[in-house]
């Protein structure tokens, strides 16, 4: 499935090689927060996002996504892929680029 939900914001706290945090999408006010866990390894890492009900623009949906990323040592940008499922759309996958704000 192709599409875009717009700008995604990760707010993470790193402890050693692990990180935790929240995920949000610009312009969407949701009652619940998506949460994230992950690990850094070398110049990349892995992550899992948990999306409870009322955390997405489609308020009745819930789901999970996992992914991997690399960090560009020059720009600091994170580039990666993800895939998951949610109760409204089923399976999804995509690419992401995160820029430190």
PDB file of N, CA and C in Angstrom:
ATOM      1  N   UNK A   1       0.833  -1.168   0.000  1.00  0.00           N
ATOM      2  CA  UNK A   1       0.000   0.000   0.000  1.00  0.00           C
ATOM      3  C   UNK A   1       0.882   1.237   0.000  1.00  0.00           C
ATOM      4  N   UNK A   2       0.586   2.169  -0.876  1.00  0.00           N
ATOM      5  CA  UNK A   2       1.365   3.398  -0.972  1.00  0.00           C
ATOM      6  C   UNK A   2       0.590   4.506  -0.279  1.00  0.00           C
ATOM      7  N   UNK A   3       1.303   5.465   0.278  1.00  0.00           N
ATOM      8  CA  UNK A   3       0.655   6.603   0.903  1.00  0.00           C
ATOM      9  C   UNK A   3       1.596   7.272   1.861  1.00  0.00           C
ATOM     10  N   UNK A   4       1.137   8.376   2.406  1.00  0.00           N
ATOM     11  CA  UNK A   4       1.947   9.118   3.344  1.00  0.00           C
ATOM     12  C   UNK A   4       1.041   9.779   4.367  1.00  0.00           C
ATOM     13  N   UNK A   5       1.462   9.767   5.610  1.00  0.00           N
ATOM     14  CA  UNK A   5       0.715  10.445   6.643  1.00  0.00           C
ATOM     15  C   UNK A   5       1.362  11.770   7.007  1.00  0.00           C
ATOM     16  N   UNK A   6       2.415  12.161   6.322  1.00  0.00           N
ATOM     17  CA  UNK A   6       3.072  13.429   6.595  1.00  0.00           C
ATOM     18  C   UNK A   6       4.263  13.279   7.502  1.00  0.00           C
ATOM     19  N   UNK A   7       4.634  14.395   8.116  1.00  0.00           N
ATOM     20  CA  UNK A   7       5.828  14.433   8.958  1.00  0.00           C
ATOM     21  C   UNK A   7       5.637  13.612  10.226  1.00  0.00           C
ATOM     22  N   UNK A   8       6.617  12.800  10.537  1.00  0.00           N
ATOM     23  CA  UNK A   8       6.625  11.972  11.728  1.00  0.00           C
ATOM     24  C   UNK A   8       7.667  12.548  12.682  1.00  0.00           C
ATOM     25  N   UNK A   9       7.342  12.598  13.968  1.00  0.00           N
ATOM     26  CA  UNK A   9       8.277  13.082  14.981  1.00  0.00           C
ATOM     27  C   UNK A   9       8.565  11.969  15.967  1.00  0.00           C
ATOM     28  N   UNK A  10       9.852  11.681  16.147  1.00  0.00           N
ATOM     29  CA  UNK A  10      10.289  10.746  17.176  1.00  0.00           C
ATOM     30  C   UNK A  10      10.876  11.570  18.313  1.00  0.00           C
ATOM     31  N   UNK A  11      10.462  11.308  19.528  1.00  0.00           N
ATOM     32  CA  UNK A  11      11.067  11.910  20.718  1.00  0.00           C
ATOM     33  C   UNK A  11      11.608  10.735  21.532  1.00  0.00           C
ATOM     34  N   UNK A  12      12.939  10.605  21.511  1.00  0.00           N
ATOM     35  CA  UNK A  12      13.533   9.426  22.143  1.00  0.00           C
ATOM     36  C   UNK A  12      14.516   9.817  23.238  1.00  0.00           C
ATOM     37  N   UNK A  13      14.682   8.888  24.167  1.00  0.00           N
ATOM     38  CA  UNK A  13      15.682   8.987  25.218  1.00  0.00           C
ATOM     39  C   UNK A  13      16.575   7.765  25.091  1.00  0.00           C
ATOM     40  N   UNK A  14      17.883   7.999  25.027  1.00  0.00           N
ATOM     41  CA  UNK A  14      18.842   6.910  24.862  1.00  0.00           C
ATOM     42  C   UNK A  14      19.496   6.580  26.193  1.00  0.00           C
ATOM     43  N   UNK A  15      19.581   5.274  26.489  1.00  0.00           N
ATOM     44  CA  UNK A  15      20.305   4.761  27.640  1.00  0.00           C
ATOM     45  C   UNK A  15      21.209   3.659  27.131  1.00  0.00           C
ATOM     46  N   UNK A  16      22.514   3.916  27.068  1.00  0.00           N
ATOM     47  CA  UNK A  16      23.429   2.949  26.471  1.00  0.00           C
ATOM     48  C   UNK A  16      23.086   2.778  25.006  1.00  0.00           C
ATOM     49  N   UNK A  17      22.917   1.548  24.565  1.00  0.00           N
ATOM     50  CA  UNK A  17      22.549   1.278  23.171  1.00  0.00           C
ATOM     51  C   UNK A  17      21.040   1.212  22.950  1.00  0.00           C
ATOM     52  N   UNK A  18      20.269   1.314  24.023  1.00  0.00           N
ATOM     53  CA  UNK A  18      18.808   1.213  23.917  1.00  0.00           C
ATOM     54  C   UNK A  18      18.166   2.595  23.889  1.00  0.00           C
ATOM     55  N   UNK A  19      16.981   2.685  23.279  1.00  0.00           N
ATOM     56  CA  UNK A  19      16.216   3.927  23.347  1.00  0.00           C
ATOM     57  C   UNK A  19      14.731   3.619  23.475  1.00  0.00           C
ATOM     58  N   UNK A  20      14.019   4.565  24.065  1.00  0.00           N
ATOM     59  CA  UNK A  20      12.569   4.503  24.206  1.00  0.00           C
ATOM     60  C   UNK A  20      12.018   5.878  23.877  1.00  0.00           C
ATOM     61  N   UNK A  21      10.748   5.944  23.545  1.00  0.00           N
ATOM     62  CA  UNK A  21      10.172   7.249  23.269  1.00  0.00           C
ATOM     63  C   UNK A  21       8.766   7.182  22.736  1.00  0.00           C
ATOM     64  N   UNK A  22       8.347   8.309  22.135  1.00  0.00           N
ATOM     65  CA  UNK A  22       7.017   8.424  21.566  1.00  0.00           C
ATOM     66  C   UNK A  22       7.129   8.822  20.100  1.00  0.00           C
ATOM     67  N   UNK A  23       6.061   8.556  19.355  1.00  0.00           N
ATOM     68  CA  UNK A  23       5.993   8.866  17.933  1.00  0.00           C
ATOM     69  C   UNK A  23       4.705   9.643  17.694  1.00  0.00           C
ATOM     70  N   UNK A  24       4.787  10.679  16.876  1.00  0.00           N
ATOM     71  CA  UNK A  24       3.598  11.440  16.519  1.00  0.00           C
ATOM     72  C   UNK A  24       3.649  11.849  15.059  1.00  0.00           C
ATOM     73  N   UNK A  25       2.496  12.224  14.521  1.00  0.00           N
ATOM     74  CA  UNK A  25       2.403  12.703  13.144  1.00  0.00           C
ATOM     75  C   UNK A  25       1.886  14.128  13.156  1.00  0.00           C
ATOM     76  N   UNK A  26       2.563  15.020  12.435  1.00  0.00           N
ATOM     77  CA  UNK A  26       2.197  16.426  12.382  1.00  0.00           C
ATOM     78  C   UNK A  26       0.757  16.628  11.957  1.00  0.00           C
ATOM     79  N   UNK A  27       0.061  17.523  12.662  1.00  0.00           N
ATOM     80  CA  UNK A  27      -1.302  17.857  12.300  1.00  0.00           C
ATOM     81  C   UNK A  27      -2.368  16.942  12.859  1.00  0.00           C
ATOM     82  N   UNK A  28      -1.975  15.847  13.540  1.00  0.00           N
ATOM     83  CA  UNK A  28      -2.959  14.915  14.091  1.00  0.00           C
ATOM     84  C   UNK A  28      -2.923  14.975  15.614  1.00  0.00           C
ATOM     85  N   UNK A  29      -4.042  15.305  16.219  1.00  0.00           N
ATOM     86  CA  UNK A  29      -4.178  15.301  17.673  1.00  0.00           C
ATOM     87  C   UNK A  29      -4.890  14.011  18.060  1.00  0.00           C
ATOM     88  N   UNK A  30      -4.161  13.112  18.711  1.00  0.00           N
ATOM     89  CA  UNK A  30      -4.721  11.813  19.066  1.00  0.00           C
ATOM     90  C   UNK A  30      -4.809  11.680  20.582  1.00  0.00           C
ATOM     91  N   UNK A  31      -5.772  10.900  21.069  1.00  0.00           N
ATOM     92  CA  UNK A  31      -5.988  10.730  22.502  1.00  0.00           C
ATOM     93  C   UNK A  31      -4.899   9.890  23.166  1.00  0.00           C
ATOM     94  N   UNK A  32      -4.274   8.986  22.434  1.00  0.00           N
ATOM     95  CA  UNK A  32      -3.235   8.118  22.989  1.00  0.00           C
ATOM     96  C   UNK A  32      -1.933   8.361  22.237  1.00  0.00           C
ATOM     97  N   UNK A  33      -0.820   7.939  22.816  1.00  0.00           N
ATOM     98  CA  UNK A  33       0.491   8.122  22.196  1.00  0.00           C
ATOM     99  C   UNK A  33       1.028   6.796  21.679  1.00  0.00           C
ATOM    100  N   UNK A  34       1.664   6.858  20.524  1.00  0.00           N
ATOM    101  CA  UNK A  34       2.412   5.707  20.032  1.00  0.00           C
ATOM    102  C   UNK A  34       3.720   5.663  20.811  1.00  0.00           C
ATOM    103  N   UNK A  35       4.147   4.462  21.173  1.00  0.00           N
ATOM    104  CA  UNK A  35       5.406   4.326  21.895  1.00  0.00           C
ATOM    105  C   UNK A  35       6.411   3.561  21.045  1.00  0.00           C
ATOM    106  N   UNK A  36       7.666   3.743  21.383  1.00  0.00           N
ATOM    107  CA  UNK A  36       8.740   3.156  20.595  1.00  0.00           C
ATOM    108  C   UNK A  36       9.822   2.616  21.511  1.00  0.00           C
ATOM    109  N   UNK A  37      10.412   1.492  21.093  1.00  0.00           N
ATOM    110  CA  UNK A  37      11.606   0.955  21.722  1.00  0.00           C
ATOM    111  C   UNK A  37      12.570   0.602  20.598  1.00  0.00           C
ATOM    112  N   UNK A  38      13.852   0.567  20.925  1.00  0.00           N
ATOM    113  CA  UNK A  38      14.814   0.201  19.901  1.00  0.00           C
ATOM    114  C   UNK A  38      16.219   0.100  20.439  1.00  0.00           C
ATOM    115  N   UNK A  39      17.123  -0.264  19.537  1.00  0.00           N
ATOM    116  CA  UNK A  39      18.545  -0.361  19.888  1.00  0.00           C
ATOM    117  C   UNK A  39      19.382   0.245  18.775  1.00  0.00           C
ATOM    118  N   UNK A  40      20.484   0.863  19.186  1.00  0.00           N
ATOM    119  CA  UNK A  40      21.500   1.331  18.254  1.00  0.00           C
ATOM    120  C   UNK A  40      22.593   0.279  18.178  1.00  0.00           C
ATOM    121  N   UNK A  41      23.128   0.063  16.979  1.00  0.00           N
ATOM    122  CA  UNK A  41      24.230  -0.867  16.778  1.00  0.00           C
ATOM    123  C   UNK A  41      25.111  -0.311  15.671  1.00  0.00           C
ATOM    124  N   UNK A  42      26.319   0.112  16.025  1.00  0.00           N
ATOM    125  CA  UNK A  42      27.192   0.716  15.011  1.00  0.00           C
ATOM    126  C   UNK A  42      26.549   1.971  14.453  1.00  0.00           C
ATOM    127  N   UNK A  43      26.429   2.044  13.125  1.00  0.00           N
ATOM    128  CA  UNK A  43      25.820   3.230  12.507  1.00  0.00           C
ATOM    129  C   UNK A  43      24.360   2.988  12.130  1.00  0.00           C
ATOM    130  N   UNK A  44      23.683   2.106  12.867  1.00  0.00           N
ATOM    131  CA  UNK A  44      22.282   1.823  12.563  1.00  0.00           C
ATOM    132  C   UNK A  44      21.563   1.274  13.767  1.00  0.00           C
ATOM    133  N   UNK A  45      20.456   0.600  13.495  1.00  0.00           N
ATOM    134  CA  UNK A  45      19.712   0.011  14.584  1.00  0.00           C
ATOM    135  C   UNK A  45      18.383  -0.549  14.151  1.00  0.00           C
ATOM    136  N   UNK A  46      17.597  -0.923  15.153  1.00  0.00           N
ATOM    137  CA  UNK A  46      16.266  -1.489  14.932  1.00  0.00           C
ATOM    138  C   UNK A  46      15.285  -0.776  15.856  1.00  0.00           C
ATOM    139  N   UNK A  47      13.994  -0.839  15.491  1.00  0.00           N
ATOM    140  CA  UNK A  47      12.973  -0.224  16.336  1.00  0.00           C
ATOM    141  C   UNK A  47      11.658  -0.978  16.219  1.00  0.00           C
ATOM    142  N   UNK A  48      10.831  -0.818  17.248  1.00  0.00           N
ATOM    143  CA  UNK A  48       9.463  -1.316  17.269  1.00  0.00           C
ATOM    144  C   UNK A  48       8.567  -0.185  17.730  1.00  0.00           C
ATOM    145  N   UNK A  49       7.482   0.064  17.000  1.00  0.00           N
ATOM    146  CA  UNK A  49       6.502   1.078  17.368  1.00  0.00           C
ATOM    147  C   UNK A  49       5.195   0.368  17.711  1.00  0.00           C
ATOM    148  N   UNK A  50       4.635   0.700  18.870  1.00  0.00           N
ATOM    149  CA  UNK A  50       3.355   0.164  19.306  1.00  0.00           C
ATOM    150  C   UNK A  50       2.311   1.262  19.170  1.00  0.00           C
ATOM    151  N   UNK A  51       1.212   0.948  18.471  1.00  0.00           N
ATOM    152  CA  UNK A  51       0.175   1.931  18.176  1.00  0.00           C
ATOM    153  C   UNK A  51      -1.138   1.486  18.820  1.00  0.00           C
ATOM    154  N   UNK A  52      -1.424   1.930  20.051  1.00  0.00           N
ATOM    155  CA  UNK A  52      -2.686   1.533  20.685  1.00  0.00           C
ATOM    156  C   UNK A  52      -3.870   2.258  20.046  1.00  0.00           C
ATOM    157  N   UNK A  53      -5.077   1.806  20.339  1.00  0.00           N
ATOM    158  CA  UNK A  53      -6.269   2.498  19.876  1.00  0.00           C
ATOM    159  C   UNK A  53      -6.232   3.963  20.288  1.00  0.00           C
ATOM    160  N   UNK A  54      -6.760   4.833  19.461  1.00  0.00           N
ATOM    161  CA  UNK A  54      -6.775   6.285  19.675  1.00  0.00           C
ATOM    162  C   UNK A  54      -5.404   6.940  19.544  1.00  0.00           C
ATOM    163  N   UNK A  55      -4.430   6.264  18.929  1.00  0.00           N
ATOM    164  CA  UNK A  55      -3.112   6.869  18.729  1.00  0.00           C
ATOM    165  C   UNK A  55      -2.857   7.248  17.272  1.00  0.00           C
ATOM    166  N   UNK A  56      -3.787   6.901  16.380  1.00  0.00           N
ATOM    167  CA  UNK A  56      -3.623   7.177  14.957  1.00  0.00           C
ATOM    168  C   UNK A  56      -4.796   8.028  14.475  1.00  0.00           C
ATOM    169  N   UNK A  57      -4.652   8.641  13.317  1.00  0.00           N
ATOM    170  CA  UNK A  57      -5.756   9.440  12.777  1.00  0.00           C
ATOM    171  C   UNK A  57      -7.071   8.663  12.676  1.00  0.00           C
ATOM    172  N   UNK A  58      -6.992   7.363  12.437  1.00  0.00           N
ATOM    173  CA  UNK A  58      -8.182   6.513  12.430  1.00  0.00           C
ATOM    174  C   UNK A  58      -8.302   5.951  13.841  1.00  0.00           C
ATOM    175  N   UNK A  59      -9.058   6.609  14.702  1.00  0.00           N
ATOM    176  CA  UNK A  59      -9.003   6.387  16.149  1.00  0.00           C
ATOM    177  C   UNK A  59      -9.298   4.969  16.604  1.00  0.00           C
ATOM    178  N   UNK A  60     -10.031   4.200  15.840  1.00  0.00           N
ATOM    179  CA  UNK A  60     -10.357   2.849  16.290  1.00  0.00           C
ATOM    180  C   UNK A  60      -9.272   1.831  15.948  1.00  0.00           C
ATOM    181  N   UNK A  61      -8.251   2.237  15.216  1.00  0.00           N
ATOM    182  CA  UNK A  61      -7.194   1.315  14.776  1.00  0.00           C
ATOM    183  C   UNK A  61      -6.107   1.165  15.829  1.00  0.00           C
ATOM    184  N   UNK A  62      -5.462   0.008  15.829  1.00  0.00           N
ATOM    185  CA  UNK A  62      -4.275  -0.234  16.643  1.00  0.00           C
ATOM    186  C   UNK A  62      -3.331  -1.099  15.815  1.00  0.00           C
ATOM    187  N   UNK A  63      -2.063  -1.146  16.205  1.00  0.00           N
ATOM    188  CA  UNK A  63      -1.125  -1.957  15.439  1.00  0.00           C
ATOM    189  C   UNK A  63       0.283  -1.892  15.978  1.00  0.00           C
ATOM    190  N   UNK A  64       1.200  -2.522  15.236  1.00  0.00           N
ATOM    191  CA  UNK A  64       2.623  -2.497  15.551  1.00  0.00           C
ATOM    192  C   UNK A  64       3.414  -2.407  14.249  1.00  0.00           C
ATOM    193  N   UNK A  65       4.621  -1.879  14.368  1.00  0.00           N
ATOM    194  CA  UNK A  65       5.539  -1.822  13.225  1.00  0.00           C
ATOM    195  C   UNK A  65       6.948  -2.055  13.734  1.00  0.00           C
ATOM    196  N   UNK A  66       7.757  -2.710  12.916  1.00  0.00           N
ATOM    197  CA  UNK A  66       9.168  -2.902  13.223  1.00  0.00           C
ATOM    198  C   UNK A  66       9.980  -2.406  12.036  1.00  0.00           C
ATOM    199  N   UNK A  67      11.211  -2.025  12.316  1.00  0.00           N
ATOM    200  CA  UNK A  67      12.038  -1.541  11.224  1.00  0.00           C
ATOM    201  C   UNK A  67      13.510  -1.506  11.570  1.00  0.00           C
ATOM    202  N   UNK A  68      14.284  -1.155  10.558  1.00  0.00           N
ATOM    203  CA  UNK A  68      15.728  -0.998  10.690  1.00  0.00           C
ATOM    204  C   UNK A  68      16.113   0.344  10.095  1.00  0.00           C
ATOM    205  N   UNK A  69      17.256   0.874  10.529  1.00  0.00           N
ATOM    206  CA  UNK A  69      17.725   2.144  10.001  1.00  0.00           C
ATOM    207  C   UNK A  69      19.246   2.208  10.026  1.00  0.00           C
ATOM    208  N   UNK A  70      19.788   3.079   9.197  1.00  0.00           N
ATOM    209  CA  UNK A  70      21.204   3.438   9.241  1.00  0.00           C
ATOM    210  C   UNK A  70      21.271   4.947   9.454  1.00  0.00           C
ATOM    211  N   UNK A  71      22.374   5.403  10.028  1.00  0.00           N
ATOM    212  CA  UNK A  71      22.585   6.824  10.274  1.00  0.00           C
ATOM    213  C   UNK A  71      23.724   7.297   9.390  1.00  0.00           C
ATOM    214  N   UNK A  72      23.459   8.305   8.560  1.00  0.00           N
ATOM    215  CA  UNK A  72      24.485   8.885   7.694  1.00  0.00           C
ATOM    216  C   UNK A  72      25.482   9.634   8.572  1.00  0.00           C
ATOM    217  N   UNK A  73      26.769   9.257   8.570  1.00  0.00           N
ATOM    218  CA  UNK A  73      27.738   9.881   9.466  1.00  0.00           C
ATOM    219  C   UNK A  73      28.014  11.355   9.132  1.00  0.00           C
ATOM    220  N   UNK A  74      27.717  11.791   7.938  1.00  0.00           N
ATOM    221  CA  UNK A  74      27.960  13.181   7.547  1.00  0.00           C
ATOM    222  C   UNK A  74      26.777  14.077   7.923  1.00  0.00           C
ATOM    223  N   UNK A  75      25.556  13.668   7.556  1.00  0.00           N
ATOM    224  CA  UNK A  75      24.378  14.508   7.783  1.00  0.00           C
ATOM    225  C   UNK A  75      23.651  14.198   9.088  1.00  0.00           C
ATOM    226  N   UNK A  76      23.862  13.013   9.649  1.00  0.00           N
ATOM    227  CA  UNK A  76      23.135  12.590  10.844  1.00  0.00           C
ATOM    228  C   UNK A  76      21.726  12.113  10.553  1.00  0.00           C
ATOM    229  N   UNK A  77      21.319  12.116   9.286  1.00  0.00           N
ATOM    230  CA  UNK A  77      19.987  11.642   8.932  1.00  0.00           C
ATOM    231  C   UNK A  77      19.878  10.131   9.118  1.00  0.00           C
ATOM    232  N   UNK A  78      18.686   9.703   9.522  1.00  0.00           N
ATOM    233  CA  UNK A  78      18.403   8.282   9.661  1.00  0.00           C
ATOM    234  C   UNK A  78      17.562   7.855   8.465  1.00  0.00           C
ATOM    235  N   UNK A  79      17.984   6.795   7.793  1.00  0.00           N
ATOM    236  CA  UNK A  79      17.254   6.243   6.648  1.00  0.00           C
ATOM    237  C   UNK A  79      16.912   4.801   6.976  1.00  0.00           C
ATOM    238  N   UNK A  80      15.673   4.397   6.710  1.00  0.00           N
ATOM    239  CA  UNK A  80      15.316   3.034   7.057  1.00  0.00           C
ATOM    240  C   UNK A  80      14.073   2.521   6.363  1.00  0.00           C
ATOM    241  N   UNK A  81      13.717   1.317   6.765  1.00  0.00           N
ATOM    242  CA  UNK A  81      12.515   0.649   6.261  1.00  0.00           C
ATOM    243  C   UNK A  81      11.716   0.154   7.459  1.00  0.00           C
ATOM    244  N   UNK A  82      10.427  -0.020   7.247  1.00  0.00           N
ATOM    245  CA  UNK A  82       9.569  -0.537   8.309  1.00  0.00           C
ATOM    246  C   UNK A  82       8.450  -1.372   7.693  1.00  0.00           C
ATOM    247  N   UNK A  83       7.850  -2.220   8.507  1.00  0.00           N
ATOM    248  CA  UNK A  83       6.672  -2.976   8.099  1.00  0.00           C
ATOM    249  C   UNK A  83       5.874  -3.297   9.354  1.00  0.00           C
ATOM    250  N   UNK A  84       4.591  -3.532   9.163  1.00  0.00           N
ATOM    251  CA  UNK A  84       3.748  -3.847  10.303  1.00  0.00           C
ATOM    252  C   UNK A  84       2.343  -4.178   9.875  1.00  0.00           C
ATOM    253  N   UNK A  85       1.467  -4.206  10.864  1.00  0.00           N
ATOM    254  CA  UNK A  85       0.047  -4.435  10.610  1.00  0.00           C
ATOM    255  C   UNK A  85      -0.754  -3.519  11.524  1.00  0.00           C
ATOM    256  N   UNK A  86      -1.965  -3.148  11.048  1.00  0.00           N
ATOM    257  CA  UNK A  86      -2.893  -2.484  11.948  1.00  0.00           C
ATOM    258  C   UNK A  86      -4.291  -3.023  11.684  1.00  0.00           C
ATOM    259  N   UNK A  87      -5.160  -2.804  12.645  1.00  0.00           N
ATOM    260  CA  UNK A  87      -6.481  -3.421  12.608  1.00  0.00           C
ATOM    261  C   UNK A  87      -7.408  -2.827  11.550  1.00  0.00           C
ATOM    262  N   UNK A  88      -7.056  -1.695  10.964  1.00  0.00           N
ATOM    263  CA  UNK A  88      -7.907  -1.080   9.935  1.00  0.00           C
ATOM    264  C   UNK A  88      -7.426  -1.353   8.516  1.00  0.00           C
ATOM    265  N   UNK A  89      -6.116  -1.314   8.289  1.00  0.00           N
ATOM    266  CA  UNK A  89      -5.573  -1.457   6.938  1.00  0.00           C
ATOM    267  C   UNK A  89      -4.929  -2.800   6.682  1.00  0.00           C
ATOM    268  N   UNK A  90      -4.629  -3.548   7.705  1.00  0.00           N
ATOM    269  CA  UNK A  90      -3.884  -4.791   7.527  1.00  0.00           C
ATOM    270  C   UNK A  90      -2.396  -4.504   7.455  1.00  0.00           C
ATOM    271  N   UNK A  91      -1.704  -5.181   6.550  1.00  0.00           N
ATOM    272  CA  UNK A  91      -0.245  -5.041   6.427  1.00  0.00           C
ATOM    273  C   UNK A  91       0.127  -3.742   5.730  1.00  0.00           C
ATOM    274  N   UNK A  92       1.263  -3.178   6.136  1.00  0.00           N
ATOM    275  CA  UNK A  92       1.816  -1.990   5.500  1.00  0.00           C
ATOM    276  C   UNK A  92       3.331  -2.034   5.576  1.00  0.00           C
ATOM    277  N   UNK A  93       3.985  -1.267   4.747  1.00  0.00           N
ATOM    278  CA  UNK A  93       5.451  -1.149   4.778  1.00  0.00           C
ATOM    279  C   UNK A  93       5.832   0.172   4.128  1.00  0.00           C
ATOM    280  N   UNK A  94       7.067   0.583   4.356  1.00  0.00           N
ATOM    281  CA  UNK A  94       7.500   1.830   3.749  1.00  0.00           C
ATOM    282  C   UNK A  94       8.937   2.169   4.054  1.00  0.00           C
ATOM    283  N   UNK A  95       9.326   3.340   3.614  1.00  0.00           N
ATOM    284  CA  UNK A  95      10.654   3.898   3.824  1.00  0.00           C
ATOM    285  C   UNK A  95      10.537   5.113   4.721  1.00  0.00           C
ATOM    286  N   UNK A  96      11.585   5.411   5.473  1.00  0.00           N
ATOM    287  CA  UNK A  96      11.571   6.621   6.283  1.00  0.00           C
ATOM    288  C   UNK A  96      12.910   7.324   6.238  1.00  0.00           C
ATOM    289  N   UNK A  97      12.869   8.626   6.381  1.00  0.00           N
ATOM    290  CA  UNK A  97      14.043   9.464   6.550  1.00  0.00           C
ATOM    291  C   UNK A  97      13.745  10.398   7.701  1.00  0.00           C
ATOM    292  N   UNK A  98      14.585  10.397   8.711  1.00  0.00           N
ATOM    293  CA  UNK A  98      14.421  11.286   9.867  1.00  0.00           C
ATOM    294  C   UNK A  98      15.582  12.270   9.904  1.00  0.00           C
ATOM    295  N   UNK A  99      15.245  13.524  10.140  1.00  0.00           N
ATOM    296  CA  UNK A  99      16.227  14.594  10.213  1.00  0.00           C
ATOM    297  C   UNK A  99      16.161  15.177  11.614  1.00  0.00           C
ATOM    298  N   UNK A 100      17.307  15.311  12.258  1.00  0.00           N
ATOM    299  CA  UNK A 100      17.329  15.861  13.613  1.00  0.00           C
ATOM    300  C   UNK A 100      16.834  17.291  13.576  1.00  0.00           C
ATOM    301  N   UNK A 101      15.888  17.585  14.459  1.00  0.00           N
ATOM    302  CA  UNK A 101      15.273  18.925  14.492  1.00  0.00           C
ATOM    303  C   UNK A 101      15.780  19.788  15.589  1.00  0.00           C
TER     304      UNK A 101
END
